[in-house]
């Protein structure tokens, strides 16, 4: 029954989420943790891995969670569940796109959804930041000095790059820089 539960859970997430993968993170986290599939810490790790691997974050999260709970069939069903609603909606919209986007109600709906999506993304970022950097929501409050240092270094590199090159640095390079810093500190501390 885990397969059906995975499929239906991710189908619901895919059907009611707006704003792409980042807008889905809070709903995926809530669903996964409340079902006991992963702990909050494990979910944070899955989000980090999903962000740093190629592909859409929501699809990556569904695939990773599905695999952790049901192997390859679980990964396939969770991934199918999360993408199926968007796929069907896009097929429908594509067939009526020209007349659909001219309607004031559609534009009003989209204008109303955007702030909600921004709020979901910000809420997820704050929750993840507090949990990762200060242990909020975990067993004990603990400041993650390494995490704070990595954020400071990455922010400084991003600002310097933008000032010198007059354009933003690639997020991929910042993720790689974060991983390199963490790896170097780990080697220095633990040998």
N, C-alpha and C. Protein backbone atom coordinates (compact mmCIF):
# COMPACT_ATOMS: atom_id res chain seq x y z
N UNK A 1 0.81 -1.20 0.00
CA UNK A 1 0.00 0.00 0.00
C UNK A 1 0.85 1.27 0.00
N UNK A 2 2.15 1.15 0.33
CA UNK A 2 3.01 2.34 0.35
C UNK A 2 3.07 2.97 -1.03
N UNK A 3 3.02 2.14 -2.08
CA UNK A 3 3.11 2.67 -3.44
C UNK A 3 1.93 3.58 -3.76
N UNK A 4 0.74 3.11 -3.43
CA UNK A 4 -0.46 3.92 -3.67
C UNK A 4 -0.43 5.18 -2.83
N UNK A 5 0.00 5.04 -1.58
CA UNK A 5 0.07 6.20 -0.68
C UNK A 5 1.08 7.23 -1.20
N UNK A 6 2.23 6.78 -1.67
CA UNK A 6 3.22 7.69 -2.26
C UNK A 6 2.65 8.40 -3.48
N UNK A 7 2.03 7.62 -4.38
CA UNK A 7 1.48 8.22 -5.60
C UNK A 7 0.42 9.25 -5.27
N UNK A 8 -0.53 8.92 -4.41
CA UNK A 8 -1.62 9.84 -4.08
C UNK A 8 -1.13 11.07 -3.33
N UNK A 9 -0.17 10.89 -2.44
CA UNK A 9 0.37 12.03 -1.70
C UNK A 9 1.06 13.01 -2.64
N UNK A 10 1.87 12.51 -3.54
CA UNK A 10 2.57 13.40 -4.47
C UNK A 10 1.64 13.91 -5.57
N UNK A 11 0.60 13.18 -5.89
CA UNK A 11 -0.41 13.68 -6.82
C UNK A 11 -1.11 14.89 -6.22
N UNK A 12 -1.44 14.79 -4.92
CA UNK A 12 -2.08 15.92 -4.23
C UNK A 12 -1.14 17.12 -4.20
N UNK A 13 0.12 16.88 -3.90
CA UNK A 13 1.10 17.97 -3.87
C UNK A 13 1.19 18.63 -5.24
N UNK A 14 1.28 17.83 -6.28
CA UNK A 14 1.37 18.37 -7.63
C UNK A 14 0.12 19.10 -8.06
N UNK A 15 -1.03 18.69 -7.55
CA UNK A 15 -2.31 19.29 -7.96
C UNK A 15 -2.59 20.62 -7.26
N UNK A 16 -2.11 20.79 -6.04
CA UNK A 16 -2.48 22.00 -5.29
C UNK A 16 -1.34 22.99 -5.13
N UNK A 17 -0.18 22.69 -5.65
CA UNK A 17 0.97 23.59 -5.50
C UNK A 17 1.09 24.53 -6.69
N UNK A 18 1.38 25.79 -6.38
CA UNK A 18 1.65 26.78 -7.42
C UNK A 18 3.04 27.33 -7.19
N UNK A 19 3.66 27.78 -8.25
CA UNK A 19 4.96 28.44 -8.11
C UNK A 19 6.14 27.53 -8.36
N UNK A 20 5.92 26.37 -8.93
CA UNK A 20 7.02 25.49 -9.23
C UNK A 20 7.54 24.75 -8.01
N UNK A 21 8.73 24.20 -8.18
CA UNK A 21 9.32 23.36 -7.14
C UNK A 21 9.52 24.05 -5.81
N UNK A 22 9.98 25.30 -5.85
CA UNK A 22 10.23 26.00 -4.59
C UNK A 22 8.94 26.24 -3.83
N UNK A 23 7.87 26.46 -4.54
CA UNK A 23 6.57 26.63 -3.90
C UNK A 23 6.06 25.33 -3.28
N UNK A 24 6.56 24.20 -3.79
CA UNK A 24 6.12 22.89 -3.30
C UNK A 24 6.88 22.43 -2.06
N UNK A 25 8.04 23.00 -1.81
CA UNK A 25 8.92 22.47 -0.76
C UNK A 25 8.20 22.36 0.58
N UNK A 26 7.48 23.39 0.98
CA UNK A 26 6.83 23.34 2.30
C UNK A 26 5.77 22.25 2.35
N UNK A 27 5.02 22.06 1.28
CA UNK A 27 4.00 21.02 1.27
C UNK A 27 4.63 19.62 1.23
N UNK A 28 5.70 19.46 0.47
CA UNK A 28 6.40 18.17 0.45
C UNK A 28 6.94 17.86 1.84
N UNK A 29 7.58 18.86 2.45
CA UNK A 29 8.15 18.67 3.79
C UNK A 29 7.07 18.28 4.80
N UNK A 30 5.97 19.00 4.78
CA UNK A 30 4.87 18.71 5.71
C UNK A 30 4.32 17.30 5.49
N UNK A 31 4.11 16.92 4.25
CA UNK A 31 3.56 15.60 3.92
C UNK A 31 4.53 14.49 4.33
N UNK A 32 5.79 14.66 3.98
CA UNK A 32 6.78 13.62 4.25
C UNK A 32 7.01 13.43 5.75
N UNK A 33 7.14 14.53 6.47
CA UNK A 33 7.40 14.43 7.91
C UNK A 33 6.15 13.92 8.65
N UNK A 34 4.96 14.42 8.27
CA UNK A 34 3.75 13.98 8.97
C UNK A 34 3.43 12.51 8.73
N UNK A 35 3.83 11.98 7.58
CA UNK A 35 3.64 10.54 7.31
C UNK A 35 4.72 9.68 7.96
N UNK A 36 5.74 10.32 8.54
CA UNK A 36 6.81 9.58 9.19
C UNK A 36 7.77 8.93 8.21
N UNK A 37 7.76 9.40 6.96
CA UNK A 37 8.66 8.82 5.97
C UNK A 37 10.09 9.25 6.22
N UNK A 38 10.28 10.49 6.65
CA UNK A 38 11.60 11.02 6.96
C UNK A 38 11.50 11.94 8.17
N UNK A 39 12.60 12.10 8.86
CA UNK A 39 12.64 13.11 9.93
C UNK A 39 12.86 14.47 9.29
N UNK A 40 12.69 15.51 10.08
CA UNK A 40 12.89 16.86 9.57
C UNK A 40 14.33 17.04 9.08
N UNK A 41 15.29 16.50 9.80
CA UNK A 41 16.70 16.60 9.40
C UNK A 41 16.95 15.86 8.10
N UNK A 42 16.42 14.66 7.98
CA UNK A 42 16.57 13.90 6.74
C UNK A 42 15.94 14.65 5.57
N UNK A 43 14.79 15.28 5.83
CA UNK A 43 14.13 16.03 4.76
C UNK A 43 14.98 17.21 4.33
N UNK A 44 15.61 17.90 5.27
CA UNK A 44 16.50 19.01 4.93
C UNK A 44 17.65 18.51 4.04
N UNK A 45 18.18 17.34 4.36
CA UNK A 45 19.24 16.77 3.54
C UNK A 45 18.74 16.42 2.13
N UNK A 46 17.52 15.87 2.04
CA UNK A 46 16.94 15.56 0.74
C UNK A 46 16.74 16.83 -0.07
N UNK A 47 16.31 17.90 0.58
CA UNK A 47 16.12 19.18 -0.13
C UNK A 47 17.46 19.68 -0.66
N UNK A 48 18.50 19.59 0.17
CA UNK A 48 19.83 20.03 -0.27
C UNK A 48 20.32 19.22 -1.47
N UNK A 49 20.13 17.91 -1.41
CA UNK A 49 20.55 17.05 -2.52
C UNK A 49 19.70 17.34 -3.76
N UNK A 50 18.39 17.52 -3.56
CA UNK A 50 17.50 17.81 -4.68
C UNK A 50 17.86 19.12 -5.36
N UNK A 51 18.30 20.09 -4.57
CA UNK A 51 18.68 21.39 -5.11
C UNK A 51 19.98 21.30 -5.90
N UNK A 52 20.86 20.44 -5.48
CA UNK A 52 22.18 20.41 -6.11
C UNK A 52 22.31 19.37 -7.22
N UNK A 53 21.26 18.62 -7.49
CA UNK A 53 21.29 17.67 -8.60
C UNK A 53 20.52 18.25 -9.79
N UNK A 54 20.87 17.83 -10.99
CA UNK A 54 20.18 18.36 -12.18
C UNK A 54 18.69 18.03 -12.17
N UNK A 55 17.91 18.93 -12.70
CA UNK A 55 16.47 18.70 -12.82
C UNK A 55 15.68 19.57 -11.87
N UNK A 56 14.36 19.58 -12.05
CA UNK A 56 13.49 20.38 -11.19
C UNK A 56 13.49 19.85 -9.76
N UNK A 57 13.53 20.75 -8.81
CA UNK A 57 13.66 20.36 -7.40
C UNK A 57 12.48 19.50 -6.94
N UNK A 58 11.26 19.82 -7.38
CA UNK A 58 10.09 19.05 -6.94
C UNK A 58 10.16 17.61 -7.45
N UNK A 59 10.59 17.45 -8.68
CA UNK A 59 10.71 16.11 -9.25
C UNK A 59 11.82 15.34 -8.52
N UNK A 60 12.93 16.01 -8.27
CA UNK A 60 14.03 15.36 -7.55
C UNK A 60 13.59 14.94 -6.14
N UNK A 61 12.88 15.84 -5.44
CA UNK A 61 12.42 15.49 -4.08
C UNK A 61 11.47 14.30 -4.13
N UNK A 62 10.52 14.32 -5.06
CA UNK A 62 9.58 13.20 -5.17
C UNK A 62 10.31 11.90 -5.46
N UNK A 63 11.28 11.96 -6.35
CA UNK A 63 12.05 10.77 -6.71
C UNK A 63 12.83 10.25 -5.51
N UNK A 64 13.53 11.14 -4.81
CA UNK A 64 14.32 10.73 -3.65
C UNK A 64 13.45 10.16 -2.54
N UNK A 65 12.35 10.84 -2.23
CA UNK A 65 11.47 10.37 -1.16
C UNK A 65 10.83 9.04 -1.56
N UNK A 66 10.35 8.97 -2.80
CA UNK A 66 9.76 7.72 -3.28
C UNK A 66 10.73 6.56 -3.22
N UNK A 67 11.98 6.81 -3.62
CA UNK A 67 12.99 5.76 -3.57
C UNK A 67 13.30 5.34 -2.14
N UNK A 68 13.35 6.31 -1.24
CA UNK A 68 13.66 5.98 0.16
C UNK A 68 12.57 5.14 0.80
N UNK A 69 11.34 5.26 0.30
CA UNK A 69 10.23 4.54 0.91
C UNK A 69 9.83 3.28 0.15
N UNK A 70 10.07 3.26 -1.16
CA UNK A 70 9.59 2.11 -1.93
C UNK A 70 10.51 1.68 -3.05
N UNK A 71 11.79 2.05 -2.96
CA UNK A 71 12.73 1.63 -3.99
C UNK A 71 12.40 2.26 -5.34
N UNK A 72 12.78 1.58 -6.40
CA UNK A 72 12.57 2.10 -7.76
C UNK A 72 11.07 2.28 -8.07
N UNK A 73 10.20 1.31 -7.73
CA UNK A 73 8.78 1.55 -8.00
C UNK A 73 8.23 2.76 -7.24
N UNK A 74 8.66 2.94 -6.00
CA UNK A 74 8.23 4.09 -5.22
C UNK A 74 8.70 5.40 -5.84
N UNK A 75 9.93 5.41 -6.34
CA UNK A 75 10.47 6.61 -6.99
C UNK A 75 9.67 6.95 -8.24
N UNK A 76 9.36 5.93 -9.03
CA UNK A 76 8.61 6.15 -10.27
C UNK A 76 7.21 6.67 -9.96
N UNK A 77 6.53 6.06 -8.99
CA UNK A 77 5.16 6.46 -8.68
C UNK A 77 5.09 7.85 -8.04
N UNK A 78 6.01 8.18 -7.14
CA UNK A 78 6.02 9.51 -6.53
C UNK A 78 6.31 10.58 -7.58
N UNK A 79 7.26 10.29 -8.46
CA UNK A 79 7.60 11.24 -9.53
C UNK A 79 6.43 11.42 -10.48
N UNK A 80 5.81 10.32 -10.87
CA UNK A 80 4.64 10.40 -11.75
C UNK A 80 3.52 11.19 -11.07
N UNK A 81 3.32 10.96 -9.80
CA UNK A 81 2.28 11.67 -9.06
C UNK A 81 2.49 13.17 -9.04
N UNK A 82 3.74 13.60 -8.84
CA UNK A 82 4.00 15.04 -8.72
C UNK A 82 3.95 15.75 -10.07
N UNK A 83 4.27 15.06 -11.16
CA UNK A 83 4.29 15.74 -12.46
C UNK A 83 2.98 15.60 -13.24
N UNK A 84 2.19 14.60 -12.93
CA UNK A 84 0.96 14.35 -13.70
C UNK A 84 -0.01 15.53 -13.70
N UNK A 85 -0.31 16.16 -12.56
CA UNK A 85 -1.24 17.29 -12.60
C UNK A 85 -0.75 18.45 -13.48
N UNK A 86 0.50 18.81 -13.34
CA UNK A 86 1.04 19.91 -14.16
C UNK A 86 1.02 19.54 -15.64
N UNK A 87 1.34 18.31 -15.95
CA UNK A 87 1.33 17.85 -17.34
C UNK A 87 -0.07 17.97 -17.94
N UNK A 88 -1.07 17.48 -17.20
CA UNK A 88 -2.44 17.52 -17.70
C UNK A 88 -2.96 18.96 -17.80
N UNK A 89 -2.65 19.78 -16.81
CA UNK A 89 -3.08 21.18 -16.84
C UNK A 89 -2.43 21.92 -18.00
N UNK A 90 -1.13 21.67 -18.24
CA UNK A 90 -0.45 22.34 -19.36
C UNK A 90 -1.01 21.89 -20.71
N UNK A 91 -1.39 20.63 -20.83
CA UNK A 91 -2.04 20.17 -22.06
C UNK A 91 -3.35 20.92 -22.29
N UNK A 92 -4.12 21.07 -21.23
CA UNK A 92 -5.39 21.78 -21.32
C UNK A 92 -5.17 23.25 -21.66
N UNK A 93 -4.25 23.89 -20.95
CA UNK A 93 -3.98 25.31 -21.17
C UNK A 93 -3.43 25.55 -22.58
N UNK A 94 -2.55 24.68 -23.03
CA UNK A 94 -1.96 24.86 -24.36
C UNK A 94 -3.03 24.81 -25.44
N UNK A 95 -4.07 24.04 -25.21
CA UNK A 95 -5.12 23.93 -26.22
C UNK A 95 -6.01 25.17 -26.29
N UNK A 96 -6.06 25.95 -25.22
CA UNK A 96 -6.92 27.14 -25.20
C UNK A 96 -6.14 28.40 -24.81
N UNK A 97 -4.85 28.39 -25.00
CA UNK A 97 -3.96 29.44 -24.48
C UNK A 97 -4.33 30.86 -24.92
N UNK A 98 -4.54 31.06 -26.17
CA UNK A 98 -4.77 32.42 -26.68
C UNK A 98 -6.00 33.06 -26.06
N UNK A 99 -7.08 32.36 -26.03
CA UNK A 99 -8.30 32.95 -25.47
C UNK A 99 -8.27 32.95 -23.95
N UNK A 100 -7.60 31.98 -23.37
CA UNK A 100 -7.54 31.83 -21.92
C UNK A 100 -6.82 33.00 -21.25
N UNK A 101 -5.68 33.40 -21.79
CA UNK A 101 -4.86 34.44 -21.16
C UNK A 101 -5.44 35.85 -21.35
N UNK A 102 -6.40 36.02 -22.22
CA UNK A 102 -7.01 37.33 -22.43
C UNK A 102 -8.07 37.65 -21.39
N UNK A 103 -8.47 36.70 -20.63
CA UNK A 103 -9.54 36.89 -19.65
C UNK A 103 -9.02 37.58 -18.39
N UNK A 104 -9.80 38.56 -17.94
CA UNK A 104 -9.40 39.32 -16.75
C UNK A 104 -9.36 38.44 -15.51
N UNK A 105 -10.28 37.49 -15.42
CA UNK A 105 -10.32 36.61 -14.26
C UNK A 105 -9.07 35.76 -14.12
N UNK A 106 -8.55 35.30 -15.25
CA UNK A 106 -7.32 34.50 -15.23
C UNK A 106 -6.15 35.35 -14.74
N UNK A 107 -6.03 36.56 -15.28
CA UNK A 107 -4.95 37.45 -14.85
C UNK A 107 -5.10 37.84 -13.38
N UNK A 108 -6.34 38.06 -12.93
CA UNK A 108 -6.57 38.38 -11.51
C UNK A 108 -6.17 37.21 -10.62
N UNK A 109 -6.51 36.01 -11.06
CA UNK A 109 -6.13 34.81 -10.32
C UNK A 109 -4.61 34.71 -10.19
N UNK A 110 -3.91 34.88 -11.30
CA UNK A 110 -2.45 34.79 -11.29
C UNK A 110 -1.83 35.88 -10.44
N UNK A 111 -2.39 37.09 -10.47
CA UNK A 111 -1.89 38.18 -9.62
C UNK A 111 -2.06 37.85 -8.15
N UNK A 112 -3.12 37.15 -7.82
CA UNK A 112 -3.35 36.76 -6.43
C UNK A 112 -2.48 35.60 -5.97
N UNK A 113 -2.16 34.70 -6.88
CA UNK A 113 -1.36 33.53 -6.54
C UNK A 113 0.10 33.91 -6.29
N UNK A 114 0.63 34.86 -7.04
CA UNK A 114 2.05 35.22 -6.93
C UNK A 114 2.49 35.56 -5.51
N UNK A 115 1.78 36.45 -4.79
CA UNK A 115 2.23 36.75 -3.42
C UNK A 115 2.19 35.52 -2.50
N UNK A 116 1.22 34.65 -2.71
CA UNK A 116 1.15 33.42 -1.92
C UNK A 116 2.35 32.52 -2.17
N UNK A 117 2.77 32.44 -3.41
CA UNK A 117 3.93 31.63 -3.77
C UNK A 117 5.19 32.22 -3.13
N UNK A 118 5.32 33.53 -3.19
CA UNK A 118 6.47 34.19 -2.56
C UNK A 118 6.48 33.90 -1.06
N UNK A 119 5.32 33.97 -0.43
CA UNK A 119 5.23 33.69 1.01
C UNK A 119 5.63 32.24 1.32
N UNK A 120 5.19 31.29 0.50
CA UNK A 120 5.58 29.89 0.72
C UNK A 120 7.08 29.70 0.59
N UNK A 121 7.68 30.31 -0.42
CA UNK A 121 9.11 30.18 -0.62
C UNK A 121 9.87 30.81 0.55
N UNK A 122 9.43 32.00 0.97
CA UNK A 122 10.10 32.67 2.10
C UNK A 122 9.94 31.87 3.39
N UNK A 123 8.75 31.33 3.61
CA UNK A 123 8.51 30.52 4.81
C UNK A 123 9.42 29.31 4.84
N UNK A 124 9.56 28.65 3.70
CA UNK A 124 10.43 27.48 3.62
C UNK A 124 11.88 27.88 3.86
N UNK A 125 12.31 28.99 3.26
CA UNK A 125 13.69 29.45 3.43
C UNK A 125 13.98 29.77 4.89
N UNK A 126 13.06 30.46 5.56
CA UNK A 126 13.26 30.82 6.96
C UNK A 126 13.28 29.55 7.83
N UNK A 127 12.34 28.64 7.59
CA UNK A 127 12.29 27.39 8.36
C UNK A 127 13.56 26.58 8.19
N UNK A 128 14.00 26.43 6.93
CA UNK A 128 15.23 25.68 6.67
C UNK A 128 16.43 26.38 7.27
N UNK A 129 16.49 27.71 7.14
CA UNK A 129 17.62 28.47 7.69
C UNK A 129 17.71 28.34 9.19
N UNK A 130 16.59 28.51 9.88
CA UNK A 130 16.59 28.40 11.34
C UNK A 130 16.94 26.99 11.79
N UNK A 131 16.42 25.99 11.09
CA UNK A 131 16.71 24.61 11.44
C UNK A 131 18.17 24.26 11.18
N UNK A 132 18.67 24.65 10.02
CA UNK A 132 20.04 24.30 9.64
C UNK A 132 21.08 25.08 10.42
N UNK A 133 20.84 26.37 10.61
CA UNK A 133 21.86 27.22 11.23
C UNK A 133 21.78 27.29 12.74
N UNK A 134 20.58 27.06 13.30
CA UNK A 134 20.44 27.22 14.75
C UNK A 134 19.75 26.04 15.43
N UNK A 135 19.41 25.01 14.71
CA UNK A 135 18.79 23.84 15.31
C UNK A 135 17.37 24.06 15.78
N UNK A 136 16.73 25.15 15.34
CA UNK A 136 15.36 25.43 15.76
C UNK A 136 14.44 24.35 15.21
N UNK A 137 13.61 23.81 16.08
CA UNK A 137 12.71 22.73 15.70
C UNK A 137 13.32 21.37 15.93
N UNK A 138 14.59 21.33 16.23
CA UNK A 138 15.26 20.05 16.50
C UNK A 138 15.25 19.75 17.98
N UNK A 139 16.13 18.85 18.36
CA UNK A 139 16.19 18.44 19.75
C UNK A 139 16.78 19.51 20.66
N UNK A 140 17.76 20.25 20.14
CA UNK A 140 18.37 21.29 20.95
C UNK A 140 18.82 22.45 20.08
N UNK A 141 18.91 23.61 20.70
CA UNK A 141 19.38 24.81 20.02
C UNK A 141 20.89 24.72 19.91
N UNK A 142 21.40 24.78 18.68
CA UNK A 142 22.84 24.67 18.46
C UNK A 142 23.21 25.51 17.24
N UNK A 143 24.13 26.44 17.43
CA UNK A 143 24.56 27.31 16.34
C UNK A 143 25.52 26.55 15.44
N UNK A 144 25.24 26.56 14.15
CA UNK A 144 26.07 25.90 13.16
C UNK A 144 27.06 26.93 12.62
N UNK A 145 28.22 27.01 13.25
CA UNK A 145 29.24 28.00 12.88
C UNK A 145 29.68 27.81 11.43
N UNK A 146 29.90 26.57 11.03
CA UNK A 146 30.32 26.29 9.66
C UNK A 146 29.28 26.80 8.66
N UNK A 147 28.02 26.55 8.93
CA UNK A 147 26.97 27.03 8.05
C UNK A 147 26.96 28.54 7.92
N UNK A 148 27.13 29.22 9.05
CA UNK A 148 27.17 30.69 9.03
C UNK A 148 28.39 31.20 8.25
N UNK A 149 29.53 30.53 8.42
CA UNK A 149 30.74 30.91 7.69
C UNK A 149 30.54 30.70 6.19
N UNK A 150 29.96 29.57 5.81
CA UNK A 150 29.72 29.29 4.39
C UNK A 150 28.79 30.34 3.79
N UNK A 151 27.73 30.69 4.50
CA UNK A 151 26.82 31.72 4.00
C UNK A 151 27.55 33.04 3.82
N UNK A 152 28.38 33.42 4.80
CA UNK A 152 29.12 34.68 4.71
C UNK A 152 30.09 34.67 3.53
N UNK A 153 30.82 33.57 3.36
CA UNK A 153 31.79 33.48 2.25
C UNK A 153 31.07 33.50 0.91
N UNK A 154 30.01 32.73 0.78
CA UNK A 154 29.27 32.67 -0.49
C UNK A 154 28.66 34.04 -0.80
N UNK A 155 28.10 34.70 0.20
CA UNK A 155 27.53 36.04 -0.02
C UNK A 155 28.62 37.02 -0.44
N UNK A 156 29.77 36.96 0.22
CA UNK A 156 30.88 37.86 -0.13
C UNK A 156 31.37 37.60 -1.55
N UNK A 157 31.52 36.35 -1.91
CA UNK A 157 31.95 36.01 -3.27
C UNK A 157 30.92 36.51 -4.29
N UNK A 158 29.64 36.32 -3.99
CA UNK A 158 28.60 36.78 -4.89
C UNK A 158 28.62 38.29 -5.08
N UNK A 159 28.81 39.04 -3.99
CA UNK A 159 28.85 40.51 -4.08
C UNK A 159 30.10 40.96 -4.83
N UNK A 160 31.25 40.37 -4.50
CA UNK A 160 32.49 40.74 -5.19
C UNK A 160 32.42 40.43 -6.68
N UNK A 161 31.91 39.28 -7.02
CA UNK A 161 31.79 38.89 -8.42
C UNK A 161 30.91 39.88 -9.18
N UNK A 162 29.78 40.23 -8.55
CA UNK A 162 28.86 41.16 -9.21
C UNK A 162 29.50 42.54 -9.40
N UNK A 163 30.26 42.99 -8.41
CA UNK A 163 30.92 44.29 -8.53
C UNK A 163 32.02 44.28 -9.58
N UNK A 164 32.80 43.21 -9.63
CA UNK A 164 33.91 43.14 -10.57
C UNK A 164 33.46 42.82 -11.99
N UNK A 165 32.53 41.91 -12.14
CA UNK A 165 32.11 41.44 -13.46
C UNK A 165 30.83 42.11 -13.97
N UNK A 166 30.13 42.82 -13.11
CA UNK A 166 28.88 43.50 -13.45
C UNK A 166 27.76 42.53 -13.83
N UNK A 167 27.85 41.31 -13.33
CA UNK A 167 26.77 40.34 -13.52
C UNK A 167 26.78 39.37 -12.35
N UNK A 168 25.68 38.67 -12.18
CA UNK A 168 25.56 37.72 -11.07
C UNK A 168 26.34 36.45 -11.37
N UNK A 169 26.87 35.86 -10.30
CA UNK A 169 27.57 34.58 -10.42
C UNK A 169 26.55 33.46 -10.54
N UNK A 170 26.92 32.41 -11.21
CA UNK A 170 26.03 31.26 -11.39
C UNK A 170 25.72 30.61 -10.04
N UNK A 171 24.46 30.31 -9.77
CA UNK A 171 24.12 29.60 -8.53
C UNK A 171 24.82 28.25 -8.42
N UNK A 172 25.08 27.62 -9.56
CA UNK A 172 25.78 26.33 -9.56
C UNK A 172 27.18 26.50 -8.98
N UNK A 173 27.86 27.56 -9.37
CA UNK A 173 29.20 27.81 -8.83
C UNK A 173 29.15 28.07 -7.32
N UNK A 174 28.11 28.74 -6.87
CA UNK A 174 27.97 29.00 -5.43
C UNK A 174 27.72 27.71 -4.66
N UNK A 175 26.93 26.81 -5.23
CA UNK A 175 26.69 25.51 -4.60
C UNK A 175 27.99 24.71 -4.54
N UNK A 176 28.73 24.71 -5.64
CA UNK A 176 30.01 24.00 -5.67
C UNK A 176 30.97 24.61 -4.66
N UNK A 177 31.03 25.95 -4.59
CA UNK A 177 31.88 26.64 -3.61
C UNK A 177 31.51 26.23 -2.18
N UNK A 178 30.21 26.16 -1.88
CA UNK A 178 29.76 25.74 -0.56
C UNK A 178 30.23 24.33 -0.23
N UNK A 179 30.10 23.44 -1.20
CA UNK A 179 30.52 22.05 -0.98
C UNK A 179 32.03 21.97 -0.77
N UNK A 180 32.79 22.73 -1.54
CA UNK A 180 34.26 22.72 -1.41
C UNK A 180 34.68 23.24 -0.04
N UNK A 181 34.06 24.33 0.40
CA UNK A 181 34.39 24.89 1.73
C UNK A 181 34.11 23.86 2.81
N UNK A 182 32.94 23.25 2.75
CA UNK A 182 32.57 22.25 3.76
C UNK A 182 33.51 21.06 3.74
N UNK A 183 33.85 20.60 2.55
CA UNK A 183 34.78 19.48 2.41
C UNK A 183 36.15 19.82 2.98
N UNK A 184 36.64 21.02 2.67
CA UNK A 184 37.96 21.45 3.18
C UNK A 184 37.97 21.54 4.70
N UNK A 185 36.91 22.11 5.27
CA UNK A 185 36.83 22.21 6.72
C UNK A 185 36.76 20.81 7.34
N UNK A 186 36.00 19.92 6.72
CA UNK A 186 35.89 18.55 7.22
C UNK A 186 37.25 17.85 7.20
N UNK A 187 38.01 18.04 6.12
CA UNK A 187 39.33 17.42 6.02
C UNK A 187 40.27 18.00 7.07
N UNK A 188 40.21 19.32 7.27
CA UNK A 188 41.07 19.97 8.26
C UNK A 188 40.75 19.49 9.67
N UNK A 189 39.47 19.41 9.99
CA UNK A 189 39.06 19.04 11.36
C UNK A 189 39.24 17.55 11.62
N UNK A 190 38.76 16.72 10.69
CA UNK A 190 38.72 15.28 10.94
C UNK A 190 39.84 14.51 10.25
N UNK A 191 40.64 15.21 9.45
CA UNK A 191 41.79 14.58 8.82
C UNK A 191 41.38 13.76 7.69
